[in-house]
Protein backbone atom coordinates (compact mmCIF):
# COMPACT_ATOMS: atom_id res chain seq x y z
CA MET A 1 11.42 43.28 17.35
CA ILE A 2 11.40 41.80 13.88
CA GLU A 3 14.82 41.44 12.32
CA ARG A 4 15.02 42.56 8.70
CA THR A 5 17.37 40.51 6.53
CA PRO A 6 16.66 41.46 2.91
CA TRP A 7 19.80 39.80 1.55
CA LEU A 8 19.05 36.55 3.36
CA ASP A 9 15.47 36.64 2.08
CA LEU A 10 16.73 37.23 -1.45
CA PHE A 11 19.18 34.33 -1.19
CA THR A 12 16.50 32.03 0.22
CA HIS A 13 14.06 32.86 -2.55
CA ALA A 14 16.78 32.38 -5.17
CA VAL A 15 17.57 28.90 -3.81
CA LEU A 16 13.89 27.96 -3.75
CA ILE A 17 13.31 29.21 -7.28
CA LEU A 18 16.38 27.32 -8.52
CA ALA A 19 15.15 24.14 -6.81
CA VAL A 20 11.69 24.49 -8.37
CA LEU A 21 13.16 25.05 -11.84
CA THR A 22 15.44 22.05 -11.44
CA MET A 23 12.53 19.81 -10.45
CA CYS A 24 10.16 21.12 -13.11
CA PHE A 25 12.60 21.18 -16.04
CA PRO A 26 12.30 17.43 -16.86
CA ILE A 27 8.51 17.73 -16.69
CA TRP A 28 8.64 20.73 -19.02
CA ILE A 29 10.80 18.77 -21.49
CA GLY A 30 8.27 15.93 -21.41
CA VAL A 31 5.37 18.33 -22.03
CA VAL A 32 7.24 19.98 -24.90
CA THR A 33 8.10 16.61 -26.45
CA ALA A 34 4.44 15.58 -26.26
CA THR A 35 3.52 18.56 -28.45
CA LEU A 36 6.07 17.87 -31.20
CA PRO A 37 5.39 16.23 -34.59
CA ASP A 38 7.25 13.02 -35.43
CA ALA A 39 9.83 14.85 -37.55
CA ARG A 40 11.01 17.06 -34.66
CA VAL A 41 11.23 14.48 -31.88
CA GLY A 42 14.88 13.68 -32.50
CA ALA A 43 15.91 17.19 -33.49
CA LEU A 44 19.06 18.69 -31.99
CA PRO A 45 19.30 20.96 -30.19
CA ARG A 46 16.31 19.81 -28.20
CA PRO A 47 13.24 22.08 -28.66
CA LEU A 48 12.37 23.97 -25.50
CA TRP A 49 9.08 25.50 -26.61
CA PRO A 50 5.87 23.57 -27.29
CA ASP A 51 4.41 22.94 -30.71
CA VAL A 52 0.76 22.64 -31.72
CA HIS A 53 0.40 18.85 -32.03
CA LEU A 54 -0.48 18.02 -28.42
CA LEU A 55 -4.13 17.06 -29.04
CA GLU A 56 -3.15 15.05 -32.11
CA ASN A 57 -0.53 13.11 -30.15
CA MET A 58 -2.95 12.56 -27.27
CA ALA A 59 -5.53 11.13 -29.68
CA ARG A 60 -2.89 8.80 -31.14
CA ALA A 61 -1.79 7.74 -27.66
CA TRP A 62 -5.38 7.11 -26.55
CA GLU A 63 -6.04 4.88 -29.56
CA ARG A 64 -2.67 3.11 -29.61
CA GLY A 65 -2.65 2.38 -25.88
CA GLY A 66 -6.28 1.24 -25.81
CA PHE A 67 -6.91 3.71 -23.01
CA SER A 68 -10.69 3.46 -23.31
CA ALA A 69 -10.70 0.12 -21.47
CA LEU A 70 -7.59 0.85 -19.39
CA PHE A 71 -9.13 4.07 -18.06
CA LEU A 72 -12.10 2.14 -16.65
CA ASN A 73 -9.74 -0.40 -15.05
CA SER A 74 -7.70 2.40 -13.47
CA VAL A 75 -10.80 4.11 -12.10
CA ILE A 76 -12.15 0.87 -10.63
CA SER A 77 -8.77 -0.08 -9.16
CA ALA A 78 -7.92 3.34 -7.68
CA THR A 79 -11.43 3.90 -6.31
CA THR A 80 -11.63 0.43 -4.73
CA ILE A 81 -8.20 0.84 -3.13
CA MET A 82 -9.14 4.30 -1.85
CA VAL A 83 -12.47 3.21 -0.35
CA GLY A 84 -11.00 0.01 1.08
CA LYS A 85 -8.07 1.77 2.71
CA ILE A 86 -10.30 4.41 4.31
CA ALA A 87 -12.82 1.86 5.61
CA ILE A 88 -10.21 -0.52 7.04
CA ALA A 89 -8.11 2.30 8.50
CA MET A 90 -11.09 3.92 10.24
CA VAL A 91 -12.37 0.67 11.74
CA THR A 92 -8.89 -0.36 12.87
CA ALA A 93 -8.12 3.03 14.43
CA PHE A 94 -11.54 3.07 16.12
CA GLY A 95 -10.84 -0.30 17.70
CA LEU A 96 -7.37 0.75 18.85
CA VAL A 97 -8.61 3.96 20.46
CA TYR A 98 -12.04 3.15 21.92
CA PHE A 99 -11.69 -0.50 22.94
CA ARG A 100 -9.61 -1.66 25.89
CA PHE A 101 -7.98 -5.04 25.36
CA ARG A 102 -4.68 -6.71 26.11
CA GLY A 103 -2.01 -6.15 23.53
CA ARG A 104 -3.60 -2.99 22.16
CA ALA A 105 -0.29 -1.10 22.12
CA LEU A 106 1.46 -4.12 20.63
CA ALA A 107 -1.17 -4.35 17.88
CA PHE A 108 -0.70 -0.69 17.04
CA TRP A 109 3.08 -0.98 16.83
CA LEU A 110 2.87 -4.13 14.72
CA ILE A 111 0.66 -2.21 12.30
CA PHE A 112 2.96 0.80 12.41
CA ILE A 113 6.06 -1.32 11.72
CA THR A 114 4.53 -2.44 8.42
CA LEU A 115 5.34 1.05 7.12
CA MET A 116 8.90 -0.27 6.84
CA LEU A 117 7.75 -3.12 4.60
CA PRO A 118 6.82 -1.68 1.20
CA LEU A 119 5.01 -3.74 -1.39
CA GLU A 120 8.27 -4.53 -3.21
CA VAL A 121 9.60 -6.37 -0.13
CA ARG A 122 6.54 -8.61 0.25
CA MET A 123 5.90 -8.99 -3.47
CA VAL A 124 6.70 -12.71 -3.77
CA PRO A 125 4.56 -13.99 -0.85
CA THR A 126 1.75 -11.62 -1.80
CA TYR A 127 1.75 -12.95 -5.36
CA GLU A 128 1.83 -16.53 -4.08
CA VAL A 129 -1.24 -15.88 -1.93
CA ALA A 130 -3.04 -14.10 -4.79
CA SER A 131 -2.36 -17.01 -7.13
CA ASN A 132 -4.22 -19.33 -4.73
CA VAL A 133 -6.00 -17.74 -1.76
CA LEU A 134 -7.11 -21.17 -0.51
CA MET A 135 -3.55 -22.43 -0.17
CA PRO A 136 -3.49 -21.93 3.65
CA VAL A 137 -6.64 -24.05 3.97
CA GLN A 138 -5.08 -26.68 1.72
CA ARG A 139 -1.95 -26.77 3.88
CA VAL A 140 -3.99 -27.08 7.11
CA LEU A 141 -5.94 -30.01 5.68
CA GLU A 142 -2.70 -31.71 4.65
CA TRP A 143 -0.85 -31.08 7.94
CA THR A 144 -3.75 -32.27 10.09
CA GLY A 145 -4.26 -35.40 7.98
CA ILE A 146 -7.85 -34.52 7.10
CA ALA A 147 -7.07 -34.51 3.37
CA TRP A 148 -5.46 -37.97 3.65
CA LEU A 149 -8.38 -39.29 5.66
CA ILE A 150 -10.97 -38.05 3.16
CA GLU A 151 -8.96 -39.44 0.25
CA THR A 152 -8.61 -42.81 2.02
CA LEU A 153 -12.29 -43.13 2.87
CA SER A 154 -13.84 -41.72 -0.29
CA GLY A 155 -11.08 -41.84 -2.86
CA VAL A 156 -11.53 -38.13 -3.51
CA ARG A 157 -8.41 -36.01 -3.35
CA ILE A 158 -9.01 -32.50 -2.08
CA VAL A 159 -7.30 -29.80 -4.13
CA LEU A 160 -8.39 -26.26 -3.27
CA ASN A 161 -7.56 -23.55 -5.78
CA LEU A 162 -8.92 -20.03 -6.10
CA SER A 163 -6.78 -17.65 -8.11
CA LEU A 164 -7.10 -13.86 -8.10
CA ILE A 165 -4.80 -13.41 -11.08
CA ASN A 166 -6.44 -11.33 -13.83
CA THR A 167 -9.27 -10.18 -11.58
CA TYR A 168 -10.22 -6.86 -10.03
CA ALA A 169 -10.00 -8.54 -6.62
CA GLY A 170 -6.39 -9.52 -7.23
CA LEU A 171 -5.65 -6.03 -8.50
CA THR A 172 -7.01 -4.30 -5.41
CA LEU A 173 -7.36 -6.54 -2.33
CA PRO A 174 -3.61 -6.92 -1.59
CA LEU A 175 -3.30 -3.11 -1.53
CA ILE A 176 -6.23 -2.00 0.62
CA ALA A 177 -4.58 -2.29 4.05
CA THR A 178 -2.77 0.88 5.13
CA ALA A 179 -0.73 1.62 8.23
CA THR A 180 -0.55 5.27 7.18
CA GLY A 181 -4.32 5.67 7.26
CA THR A 182 -4.59 3.81 10.55
CA PHE A 183 -2.02 6.12 12.13
CA LEU A 184 -3.72 9.21 10.68
CA PHE A 185 -7.17 8.29 12.04
CA ARG A 186 -5.78 7.09 15.38
CA GLN A 187 -4.09 10.42 15.98
CA PHE A 188 -7.31 12.25 15.11
CA PHE A 189 -9.51 10.02 17.29
CA LEU A 190 -7.20 10.68 20.24
CA THR A 191 -7.99 14.39 19.94
CA LEU A 192 -11.75 13.85 20.29
CA PRO A 193 -12.94 14.77 23.81
CA ASP A 194 -13.95 11.99 26.18
CA GLU A 195 -17.21 13.84 26.78
CA LEU A 196 -18.44 12.63 23.39
CA THR A 197 -18.02 9.01 24.43
CA GLU A 198 -19.68 9.61 27.79
CA ALA A 199 -22.60 11.44 26.18
CA ALA A 200 -23.07 8.59 23.69
CA LYS A 201 -23.12 6.04 26.53
CA MET A 202 -25.67 8.10 28.46
CA ASP A 203 -27.91 8.18 25.38
CA GLY A 204 -27.66 4.41 25.12
CA ALA A 205 -25.63 4.42 21.92
CA GLY A 206 -23.55 1.34 21.28
CA PRO A 207 -20.11 1.32 19.63
CA LEU A 208 -21.47 1.01 16.09
CA ARG A 209 -23.96 3.83 16.54
CA PHE A 210 -21.30 6.04 18.14
CA PHE A 211 -18.97 5.27 15.25
CA ARG A 212 -21.64 5.98 12.63
CA ASP A 213 -23.27 9.07 14.13
CA MET A 214 -20.34 10.78 15.84
CA VAL A 215 -16.94 9.58 14.68
CA VAL A 216 -17.56 9.33 10.94
CA PRO A 217 -19.10 12.84 10.54
CA LEU A 218 -16.26 14.39 12.55
CA SER A 219 -13.69 12.58 10.39
CA ARG A 220 -14.83 13.90 7.01
CA THR A 221 -11.86 16.21 6.48
CA ASN A 222 -9.43 13.45 7.41
CA MET A 223 -11.26 11.07 5.09
CA ALA A 224 -10.94 13.61 2.28
CA ALA A 225 -7.20 14.01 2.89
CA LEU A 226 -6.64 10.26 2.97
CA ALA A 227 -8.87 9.78 -0.09
CA VAL A 228 -6.65 12.07 -2.16
CA ILE A 229 -3.47 10.31 -1.04
CA MET A 230 -4.82 6.82 -1.59
CA PHE A 231 -6.46 7.57 -4.93
CA VAL A 232 -3.13 8.83 -6.27
CA PHE A 233 -1.41 5.81 -4.72
CA GLY A 234 -3.83 3.39 -6.35
CA TRP A 235 -3.78 5.16 -9.70
CA ASN A 236 0.03 5.19 -9.93
CA GLN A 237 0.52 1.51 -9.13
CA TYR A 238 2.76 -0.15 -11.70
CA LEU A 239 4.67 -3.14 -10.32
CA TRP A 240 1.74 -5.00 -8.75
CA PRO A 241 -0.58 -4.69 -11.81
CA LEU A 242 2.36 -5.81 -13.94
CA LEU A 243 2.59 -9.04 -11.93
CA VAL A 244 -1.07 -9.78 -11.30
CA THR A 245 -2.33 -9.15 -14.86
CA THR A 246 -1.18 -11.35 -17.72
CA GLY A 247 -3.43 -9.91 -20.42
CA PRO A 248 -4.87 -6.60 -21.58
CA ASP A 249 -8.30 -7.08 -19.98
CA TYR A 250 -7.27 -5.87 -16.51
CA ARG A 251 -4.34 -3.60 -17.27
CA THR A 252 -4.36 -0.07 -15.95
CA MET A 253 -3.40 3.12 -17.78
CA THR A 254 -0.08 3.33 -15.96
CA LEU A 255 0.76 -0.18 -17.10
CA GLY A 256 -0.48 0.60 -20.60
CA LEU A 257 2.34 3.11 -21.10
CA ARG A 258 4.83 0.24 -20.88
CA PHE A 259 3.33 -1.46 -23.92
CA MET A 260 3.39 1.69 -26.05
CA GLU A 261 7.14 1.48 -26.45
CA GLY A 262 8.48 0.08 -29.71
CA GLY A 263 10.05 -3.34 -29.95
CA GLU A 264 13.65 -4.19 -30.71
CA ASP A 265 13.25 -3.47 -34.44
CA GLN A 266 10.83 -0.57 -34.04
CA LEU A 267 11.52 2.97 -32.99
CA THR A 268 9.49 4.43 -30.16
CA ASP A 269 7.38 7.51 -30.88
CA TRP A 270 8.32 9.35 -27.73
CA ASN A 271 6.04 12.25 -28.50
CA VAL A 272 3.06 9.85 -28.48
CA VAL A 273 4.30 8.02 -25.37
CA LEU A 274 4.76 11.27 -23.45
CA ALA A 275 1.35 12.47 -24.62
CA GLY A 276 0.00 9.24 -23.15
CA ALA A 277 1.89 9.99 -19.93
CA LEU A 278 0.10 13.33 -19.74
CA LEU A 279 -3.22 11.51 -20.14
CA VAL A 280 -2.28 9.17 -17.30
CA MET A 281 -1.24 12.10 -15.09
CA ALA A 282 -4.39 14.12 -15.72
CA PRO A 283 -6.92 12.29 -13.43
CA PRO A 284 -4.80 12.27 -10.22
CA VAL A 285 -3.71 15.86 -10.83
CA ALA A 286 -7.35 16.87 -11.26
CA VAL A 287 -8.29 15.08 -8.03
CA VAL A 288 -5.49 16.79 -6.10
CA ILE A 289 -6.46 20.22 -7.45
CA ALA A 290 -10.18 19.70 -6.82
CA ALA A 291 -9.68 18.43 -3.26
CA GLN A 292 -6.70 20.59 -2.32
CA ARG A 293 -8.57 22.59 0.32
CA TRP A 294 -9.95 19.48 2.02
CA PHE A 295 -6.59 17.74 1.70
CA VAL A 296 -4.69 20.49 3.53
CA LYS A 297 -7.45 20.93 6.11
CA GLY A 298 -7.51 17.20 6.84
CA LEU A 299 -3.76 17.00 7.37
CA VAL A 300 -3.80 20.04 9.65
CA ASN A 301 -6.63 18.61 11.75
CA ALA A 302 -4.82 15.30 12.04
CA GLU A 303 -1.79 17.00 13.62
CA LYS A 304 -3.73 18.78 16.36
């Protein structure tokens, strides 16, 4: 018997609608402000209905923020992070599930624990490594005395230095490892029947062929779900690009918004800045909308 509770349903829907309005109201104010002319930005009371200057403000934001170059940087950065995270997560999960070795459970839990260490926590050591990726080799040469020996015999002092600052590699490589993706693919691989592995062995397929011909095609929906998540993650990065880029050549669109604000003696055109924010939001929103069906399907399959 199905219990009918119309008043409870009405109350629940009212709470949900109120929560949605509360969350969307600041976004609506930002959209409205992006459509206003300069003269109405500071008007009181605050306008609640959009004007007709949205395209004009977007054009000003695109030109002022230099988004032509920043857009390309954002696409390269987000796409590289997305592809790298998927590739590393799939290979790692495949090794954890289909290979038997000592410490396999420990390796998985060490990877899983990194979910508790966001980028902000490991920002300083990550930046130090990115500023000179050969520093560990330099330290090994110094601690073992090899650097001293070479300098003594040849008079040449070894100084290894390879910086990733202001490079696409520095912008993307520190962000391509993902415990979330590893966990997602591991849970999916565990649902695959053992008969697939046995059939592949009977056909003489090695691990790489089994991974390429069986595992990857079956993981397409999960790859699509993770691709959406990681593309949005890579596109919205702000703190790491702020540290690893010191000039405009490798800035992303998200970082470009920061430099659209006025200085101490200059007022900020908030209608133009918010129009720029809408431009920055458009690509990830379009990706989420376009891949929504695959995104939901991939998450559902991962939970089975």
